[in-house]
Amino acid sequence: YLRKAQGFFKDEIPEKPFVYFPLHLQPEMTTDILGQEYSDQLLALETLREIIPANILICVKENPKQTGRLRSNLFFQRLSKLPNTVFVSRDAPSLELSRRSLAVATITGTAGWEALRMGKPVINFGNAFWSRLPGTFAPDENFDWHEISKFGYHPEALKNAVNALSKYAHPGMSDFLYSSEIKKFNASENAILLAKVIQDRLIADD
């Protein structure tokens, strides 16, 4: 797989206008569950190719953590059939690709959140925490490329929307894989925080 991917994802960052689509690591809950029908990333790419103007490139980058899982020969065959699409090296800097793009397209990827903070519009195929923030566009029957092309970034509007969203955030770590990223993490104190959050929500919903 690594040899095949290295020979496939080798293009330079294009100079022409493009939409950036960073592939997701799979298998992974954020894509396989939150992506819903677009857990098939190729379906998302094929849909993207249909809904944006034919003269605009799609720039695809492989996830640097991806292994051969869910990357069969059929995957590369379908990928190669996408017209007006380039496949950049996995070493290409993602933030630079987002910065130079017309828009970022993703299922639930961090690249979507990063793009919104850059002031870039995002075509969002999945169910991410930022899916309804200003600047996101769903690939549904109401999709209109002209809305994206005239998108105007308003930092204050994004800030207000994020502040409104933050009321659903609570203290505590629910995934211990990330506990190493918290300084002086205390498992007992964390358990108490989580228990209080659950208790408060049960009372609020009663």
C-alpha atoms as a PDB file:
ATOM      1  CA  TYR A   1       0.000   0.000   0.000  1.00  0.00           C
ATOM      2  CA  LEU A   2       2.709   2.501   0.935  1.00  0.00           C
ATOM      3  CA  ARG A   3       4.530   1.924  -2.348  1.00  0.00           C
ATOM      4  CA  LYS A   4       1.300   2.281  -4.310  1.00  0.00           C
ATOM      5  CA  ALA A   5       0.255   5.410  -2.427  1.00  0.00           C
ATOM      6  CA  GLN A   6       3.666   7.000  -2.921  1.00  0.00           C
ATOM      7  CA  GLY A   7       3.363   6.482  -6.662  1.00  0.00           C
ATOM      8  CA  PHE A   8      -0.210   7.769  -6.747  1.00  0.00           C
ATOM      9  CA  PHE A   9      -0.164  10.764  -4.392  1.00  0.00           C
ATOM     10  CA  LYS A  10       2.746  12.649  -5.918  1.00  0.00           C
ATOM     11  CA  ASP A  11       1.409  15.826  -7.553  1.00  0.00           C
ATOM     12  CA  GLU A  12       2.546  19.320  -6.604  1.00  0.00           C
ATOM     13  CA  ILE A  13       0.185  21.847  -5.051  1.00  0.00           C
ATOM     14  CA  PRO A  14      -1.650  23.212  -8.095  1.00  0.00           C
ATOM     15  CA  GLU A  15      -1.428  26.825  -9.213  1.00  0.00           C
ATOM     16  CA  LYS A  16      -4.985  26.752 -10.578  1.00  0.00           C
ATOM     17  CA  PRO A  17      -8.062  27.361  -8.371  1.00  0.00           C
ATOM     18  CA  PHE A  18      -8.962  24.232  -6.405  1.00  0.00           C
ATOM     19  CA  VAL A  19     -11.094  22.775  -3.625  1.00  0.00           C
ATOM     20  CA  TYR A  20      -9.026  20.879  -1.069  1.00  0.00           C
ATOM     21  CA  PHE A  21     -10.199  17.462   0.125  1.00  0.00           C
ATOM     22  CA  PRO A  22      -7.961  15.791   2.748  1.00  0.00           C
ATOM     23  CA  LEU A  23      -8.759  12.085   3.025  1.00  0.00           C
ATOM     24  CA  HIS A  24      -9.673  10.765   6.467  1.00  0.00           C
ATOM     25  CA  LEU A  25      -7.930   8.038   8.390  1.00  0.00           C
ATOM     26  CA  GLN A  26     -10.018   4.855   8.215  1.00  0.00           C
ATOM     27  CA  PRO A  27     -11.285   2.830   9.959  1.00  0.00           C
ATOM     28  CA  GLU A  28     -12.158   5.591  12.406  1.00  0.00           C
ATOM     29  CA  MET A  29     -15.344   6.529  14.262  1.00  0.00           C
ATOM     30  CA  THR A  30     -15.285  10.128  13.027  1.00  0.00           C
ATOM     31  CA  THR A  31     -15.708   8.932   9.453  1.00  0.00           C
ATOM     32  CA  ASP A  32     -17.293   5.487   9.687  1.00  0.00           C
ATOM     33  CA  ILE A  33     -20.028   6.635  12.106  1.00  0.00           C
ATOM     34  CA  LEU A  34     -20.257  10.427  11.901  1.00  0.00           C
ATOM     35  CA  GLY A  35     -19.798  10.353   8.136  1.00  0.00           C
ATOM     36  CA  GLN A  36     -23.038   8.358   7.766  1.00  0.00           C
ATOM     37  CA  GLU A  37     -23.536   7.626   4.039  1.00  0.00           C
ATOM     38  CA  TYR A  38     -20.243   9.374   3.340  1.00  0.00           C
ATOM     39  CA  SER A  39     -18.284   6.860   5.371  1.00  0.00           C
ATOM     40  CA  ASP A  40     -17.454   5.902   1.785  1.00  0.00           C
ATOM     41  CA  GLN A  41     -15.048   8.778   1.200  1.00  0.00           C
ATOM     42  CA  LEU A  42     -15.025   8.136  -2.519  1.00  0.00           C
ATOM     43  CA  LEU A  43     -18.766   8.790  -2.605  1.00  0.00           C
ATOM     44  CA  ALA A  44     -18.074  12.163  -1.002  1.00  0.00           C
ATOM     45  CA  LEU A  45     -15.422  12.906  -3.627  1.00  0.00           C
ATOM     46  CA  GLU A  46     -17.642  11.769  -6.478  1.00  0.00           C
ATOM     47  CA  THR A  47     -20.459  13.948  -5.118  1.00  0.00           C
ATOM     48  CA  LEU A  48     -18.087  16.892  -4.762  1.00  0.00           C
ATOM     49  CA  ARG A  49     -17.026  16.493  -8.390  1.00  0.00           C
ATOM     50  CA  GLU A  50     -20.686  16.667  -9.439  1.00  0.00           C
ATOM     51  CA  ILE A  51     -21.664  19.749  -7.444  1.00  0.00           C
ATOM     52  CA  ILE A  52     -18.740  22.108  -8.049  1.00  0.00           C
ATOM     53  CA  PRO A  53     -17.958  23.621 -11.472  1.00  0.00           C
ATOM     54  CA  ALA A  54     -16.154  21.229 -13.809  1.00  0.00           C
ATOM     55  CA  ASN A  55     -13.323  23.700 -14.430  1.00  0.00           C
ATOM     56  CA  ILE A  56     -12.343  23.848 -10.747  1.00  0.00           C
ATOM     57  CA  LEU A  57      -9.766  21.313  -9.633  1.00  0.00           C
ATOM     58  CA  ILE A  58     -10.186  18.998  -6.689  1.00  0.00           C
ATOM     59  CA  CYS A  59      -6.963  18.583  -4.748  1.00  0.00           C
ATOM     60  CA  VAL A  60      -6.849  15.319  -2.773  1.00  0.00           C
ATOM     61  CA  LYS A  61      -4.276  14.503  -0.121  1.00  0.00           C
ATOM     62  CA  GLU A  62      -3.877  11.139   1.593  1.00  0.00           C
ATOM     63  CA  ASN A  63      -3.996  11.046   5.383  1.00  0.00           C
ATOM     64  CA  PRO A  64      -0.408  10.701   6.652  1.00  0.00           C
ATOM     65  CA  LYS A  65      -1.512   8.103   9.236  1.00  0.00           C
ATOM     66  CA  GLN A  66      -3.386   5.905   6.765  1.00  0.00           C
ATOM     67  CA  THR A  67      -2.459   2.247   6.368  1.00  0.00           C
ATOM     68  CA  GLY A  68      -3.559  -0.260   3.742  1.00  0.00           C
ATOM     69  CA  ARG A  69      -6.903  -0.797   5.465  1.00  0.00           C
ATOM     70  CA  LEU A  70      -9.811   0.324   3.268  1.00  0.00           C
ATOM     71  CA  ARG A  71      -7.355   1.143   0.493  1.00  0.00           C
ATOM     72  CA  SER A  72      -7.870  -1.728  -1.947  1.00  0.00           C
ATOM     73  CA  ASN A  73      -7.124  -1.710  -5.658  1.00  0.00           C
ATOM     74  CA  LEU A  74     -10.744  -0.711  -6.198  1.00  0.00           C
ATOM     75  CA  PHE A  75     -10.167   2.381  -4.058  1.00  0.00           C
ATOM     76  CA  PHE A  76      -7.378   3.576  -6.347  1.00  0.00           C
ATOM     77  CA  GLN A  77      -9.334   2.649  -9.469  1.00  0.00           C
ATOM     78  CA  ARG A  78     -12.319   4.761  -8.416  1.00  0.00           C
ATOM     79  CA  LEU A  79     -10.051   7.576  -7.314  1.00  0.00           C
ATOM     80  CA  SER A  80      -8.238   7.643 -10.658  1.00  0.00           C
ATOM     81  CA  LYS A  81     -11.547   8.074 -12.523  1.00  0.00           C
ATOM     82  CA  LEU A  82     -12.280  11.461 -10.948  1.00  0.00           C
ATOM     83  CA  PRO A  83     -11.910  14.090 -13.705  1.00  0.00           C
ATOM     84  CA  ASN A  84      -9.971  17.315 -13.150  1.00  0.00           C
ATOM     85  CA  THR A  85      -8.508  16.037  -9.881  1.00  0.00           C
ATOM     86  CA  VAL A  86      -4.926  16.111  -8.598  1.00  0.00           C
ATOM     87  CA  PHE A  87      -3.421  13.906  -5.900  1.00  0.00           C
ATOM     88  CA  VAL A  88      -0.778  15.698  -3.858  1.00  0.00           C
ATOM     89  CA  SER A  89       1.924  14.127  -1.748  1.00  0.00           C
ATOM     90  CA  ARG A  90       1.011  13.208   1.815  1.00  0.00           C
ATOM     91  CA  ASP A  91       3.942  15.431   2.825  1.00  0.00           C
ATOM     92  CA  ALA A  92       2.269  18.546   1.396  1.00  0.00           C
ATOM     93  CA  PRO A  93       1.386  20.913   4.275  1.00  0.00           C
ATOM     94  CA  SER A  94      -2.342  20.745   4.944  1.00  0.00           C
ATOM     95  CA  LEU A  95      -2.604  24.299   6.289  1.00  0.00           C
ATOM     96  CA  GLU A  96      -0.945  25.627   3.142  1.00  0.00           C
ATOM     97  CA  LEU A  97      -3.384  23.656   0.989  1.00  0.00           C
ATOM     98  CA  SER A  98      -6.300  25.101   2.956  1.00  0.00           C
ATOM     99  CA  ARG A  99      -4.897  28.615   2.728  1.00  0.00           C
ATOM    100  CA  ARG A 100      -4.489  28.437  -1.059  1.00  0.00           C
ATOM    101  CA  SER A 101      -7.820  26.736  -1.742  1.00  0.00           C
ATOM    102  CA  LEU A 102     -11.130  28.271  -2.773  1.00  0.00           C
ATOM    103  CA  ALA A 103     -12.815  26.042  -0.191  1.00  0.00           C
ATOM    104  CA  VAL A 104     -12.137  22.965   1.914  1.00  0.00           C
ATOM    105  CA  ALA A 105     -14.317  19.866   1.579  1.00  0.00           C
ATOM    106  CA  THR A 106     -14.310  17.295   4.358  1.00  0.00           C
ATOM    107  CA  ILE A 107     -16.513  14.805   6.142  1.00  0.00           C
ATOM    108  CA  THR A 108     -15.710  15.617   9.773  1.00  0.00           C
ATOM    109  CA  GLY A 109     -11.999  16.425   9.549  1.00  0.00           C
ATOM    110  CA  THR A 110     -10.061  18.915  11.642  1.00  0.00           C
ATOM    111  CA  ALA A 111      -9.236  20.614   8.343  1.00  0.00           C
ATOM    112  CA  GLY A 112     -12.811  21.909   8.288  1.00  0.00           C
ATOM    113  CA  TRP A 113     -12.469  23.608  11.665  1.00  0.00           C
ATOM    114  CA  GLU A 114      -9.073  25.017  10.675  1.00  0.00           C
ATOM    115  CA  ALA A 115     -10.495  26.355   7.417  1.00  0.00           C
ATOM    116  CA  LEU A 116     -13.376  28.120   9.165  1.00  0.00           C
ATOM    117  CA  ARG A 117     -10.907  29.852  11.447  1.00  0.00           C
ATOM    118  CA  MET A 118      -8.938  30.933   8.357  1.00  0.00           C
ATOM    119  CA  GLY A 119     -12.074  32.428   6.885  1.00  0.00           C
ATOM    120  CA  LYS A 120     -12.438  29.720   4.241  1.00  0.00           C
ATOM    121  CA  PRO A 121     -15.818  28.212   3.330  1.00  0.00           C
ATOM    122  CA  VAL A 122     -16.224  24.500   4.068  1.00  0.00           C
ATOM    123  CA  ILE A 123     -18.267  21.888   2.214  1.00  0.00           C
ATOM    124  CA  ASN A 124     -19.224  19.537   5.029  1.00  0.00           C
ATOM    125  CA  PHE A 125     -20.330  15.954   4.313  1.00  0.00           C
ATOM    126  CA  GLY A 126     -20.547  14.620   7.870  1.00  0.00           C
ATOM    127  CA  ASN A 127     -21.672  15.424  11.383  1.00  0.00           C
ATOM    128  CA  ALA A 128     -18.942  17.452  13.093  1.00  0.00           C
ATOM    129  CA  PHE A 129     -19.277  19.787  16.075  1.00  0.00           C
ATOM    130  CA  TRP A 130     -18.706  22.733  13.709  1.00  0.00           C
ATOM    131  CA  SER A 131     -21.182  21.568  11.023  1.00  0.00           C
ATOM    132  CA  ARG A 132     -23.649  24.428  11.582  1.00  0.00           C
ATOM    133  CA  LEU A 133     -21.199  27.254  12.097  1.00  0.00           C
ATOM    134  CA  PRO A 134     -21.166  30.193   9.656  1.00  0.00           C
ATOM    135  CA  GLY A 135     -19.193  29.275   6.551  1.00  0.00           C
ATOM    136  CA  THR A 136     -20.276  25.615   6.307  1.00  0.00           C
ATOM    137  CA  PHE A 137     -22.249  24.362   3.320  1.00  0.00           C
ATOM    138  CA  ALA A 138     -23.977  20.980   3.060  1.00  0.00           C
ATOM    139  CA  PRO A 139     -23.878  19.064  -0.253  1.00  0.00           C
ATOM    140  CA  ASP A 140     -27.658  18.771  -0.419  1.00  0.00           C
ATOM    141  CA  GLU A 141     -30.346  19.865  -2.874  1.00  0.00           C
ATOM    142  CA  ASN A 142     -29.860  23.488  -1.778  1.00  0.00           C
ATOM    143  CA  PHE A 143     -26.142  23.502  -2.541  1.00  0.00           C
ATOM    144  CA  ASP A 144     -25.128  26.506  -4.640  1.00  0.00           C
ATOM    145  CA  TRP A 145     -21.502  27.054  -5.627  1.00  0.00           C
ATOM    146  CA  HIS A 146     -22.175  30.755  -6.109  1.00  0.00           C
ATOM    147  CA  GLU A 147     -22.961  31.027  -2.395  1.00  0.00           C
ATOM    148  CA  ILE A 148     -19.514  29.641  -1.651  1.00  0.00           C
ATOM    149  CA  SER A 149     -17.744  31.792  -4.222  1.00  0.00           C
ATOM    150  CA  LYS A 150     -19.198  34.977  -2.709  1.00  0.00           C
ATOM    151  CA  PHE A 151     -18.768  33.868   0.913  1.00  0.00           C
ATOM    152  CA  GLY A 152     -17.594  36.703   3.132  1.00  0.00           C
ATOM    153  CA  TYR A 153     -15.739  35.907   6.341  1.00  0.00           C
ATOM    154  CA  HIS A 154     -16.968  37.731   9.446  1.00  0.00           C
ATOM    155  CA  PRO A 155     -14.785  36.855  12.460  1.00  0.00           C
ATOM    156  CA  GLU A 156     -17.289  38.247  14.947  1.00  0.00           C
ATOM    157  CA  ALA A 157     -20.092  36.090  13.545  1.00  0.00           C
ATOM    158  CA  LEU A 158     -17.937  32.964  13.858  1.00  0.00           C
ATOM    159  CA  LYS A 159     -16.861  33.935  17.373  1.00  0.00           C
ATOM    160  CA  ASN A 160     -20.472  34.465  18.487  1.00  0.00           C
ATOM    161  CA  ALA A 161     -21.556  31.140  16.997  1.00  0.00           C
ATOM    162  CA  VAL A 162     -18.703  29.288  18.705  1.00  0.00           C
ATOM    163  CA  ASN A 163     -19.563  30.947  22.026  1.00  0.00           C
ATOM    164  CA  ALA A 164     -23.181  29.820  21.633  1.00  0.00           C
ATOM    165  CA  LEU A 165     -22.002  26.296  20.844  1.00  0.00           C
ATOM    166  CA  SER A 166     -19.699  26.199  23.853  1.00  0.00           C
ATOM    167  CA  LYS A 167     -22.656  25.967  26.250  1.00  0.00           C
ATOM    168  CA  TYR A 168     -22.819  22.295  25.279  1.00  0.00           C
ATOM    169  CA  ALA A 169     -19.226  21.709  26.363  1.00  0.00           C
ATOM    170  CA  HIS A 170     -18.473  20.424  29.859  1.00  0.00           C
ATOM    171  CA  PRO A 171     -15.352  19.937  31.968  1.00  0.00           C
ATOM    172  CA  GLY A 172     -13.806  16.500  32.150  1.00  0.00           C
ATOM    173  CA  MET A 173     -12.034  14.001  29.940  1.00  0.00           C
ATOM    174  CA  SER A 174     -14.168  11.179  28.548  1.00  0.00           C
ATOM    175  CA  ASP A 175     -11.470   9.553  26.393  1.00  0.00           C
ATOM    176  CA  PHE A 176      -8.437   8.497  28.393  1.00  0.00           C
ATOM    177  CA  LEU A 177      -6.333   8.247  25.238  1.00  0.00           C
ATOM    178  CA  TYR A 178      -6.066  12.033  25.477  1.00  0.00           C
ATOM    179  CA  SER A 179      -5.317  12.220  29.192  1.00  0.00           C
ATOM    180  CA  SER A 180      -1.588  12.453  28.487  1.00  0.00           C
ATOM    181  CA  GLU A 181      -2.213  15.845  26.856  1.00  0.00           C
ATOM    182  CA  ILE A 182      -3.533  17.320  30.121  1.00  0.00           C
ATOM    183  CA  LYS A 183      -0.938  18.569  32.575  1.00  0.00           C
ATOM    184  CA  LYS A 184      -1.182  16.980  36.010  1.00  0.00           C
ATOM    185  CA  PHE A 185      -4.131  14.815  34.966  1.00  0.00           C
ATOM    186  CA  ASN A 186      -5.880  13.302  37.992  1.00  0.00           C
ATOM    187  CA  ALA A 187      -8.139  10.333  37.225  1.00  0.00           C
ATOM    188  CA  SER A 188     -10.119  10.613  40.478  1.00  0.00           C
ATOM    189  CA  GLU A 189     -10.833  14.307  40.051  1.00  0.00           C
ATOM    190  CA  ASN A 190     -11.777  13.693  36.429  1.00  0.00           C
ATOM    191  CA  ALA A 191     -14.237  10.951  37.423  1.00  0.00           C
ATOM    192  CA  ILE A 192     -15.948  13.342  39.840  1.00  0.00           C
ATOM    193  CA  LEU A 193     -16.232  16.004  37.113  1.00  0.00           C
ATOM    194  CA  LEU A 194     -17.773  13.538  34.676  1.00  0.00           C
ATOM    195  CA  ALA A 195     -20.199  12.193  37.255  1.00  0.00           C
ATOM    196  CA  LYS A 196     -21.354  15.727  38.062  1.00  0.00           C
ATOM    197  CA  VAL A 197     -21.872  16.532  34.367  1.00  0.00           C
ATOM    198  CA  ILE A 198     -23.986  13.388  33.896  1.00  0.00           C
ATOM    199  CA  GLN A 199     -25.974  14.105  37.058  1.00  0.00           C
ATOM    200  CA  ASP A 200     -26.604  17.734  36.044  1.00  0.00           C
ATOM    201  CA  ARG A 201     -27.771  16.676  32.579  1.00  0.00           C
ATOM    202  CA  LEU A 202     -30.130  14.049  34.003  1.00  0.00           C
ATOM    203  CA  ILE A 203     -31.663  16.639  36.324  1.00  0.00           C
ATOM    204  CA  ALA A 204     -31.911  19.210  33.501  1.00  0.00           C
ATOM    205  CA  ASP A 205     -33.620  16.714  31.185  1.00  0.00           C
ATOM    206  CA  ASP A 206     -35.983  15.363  33.863  1.00  0.00           C
END
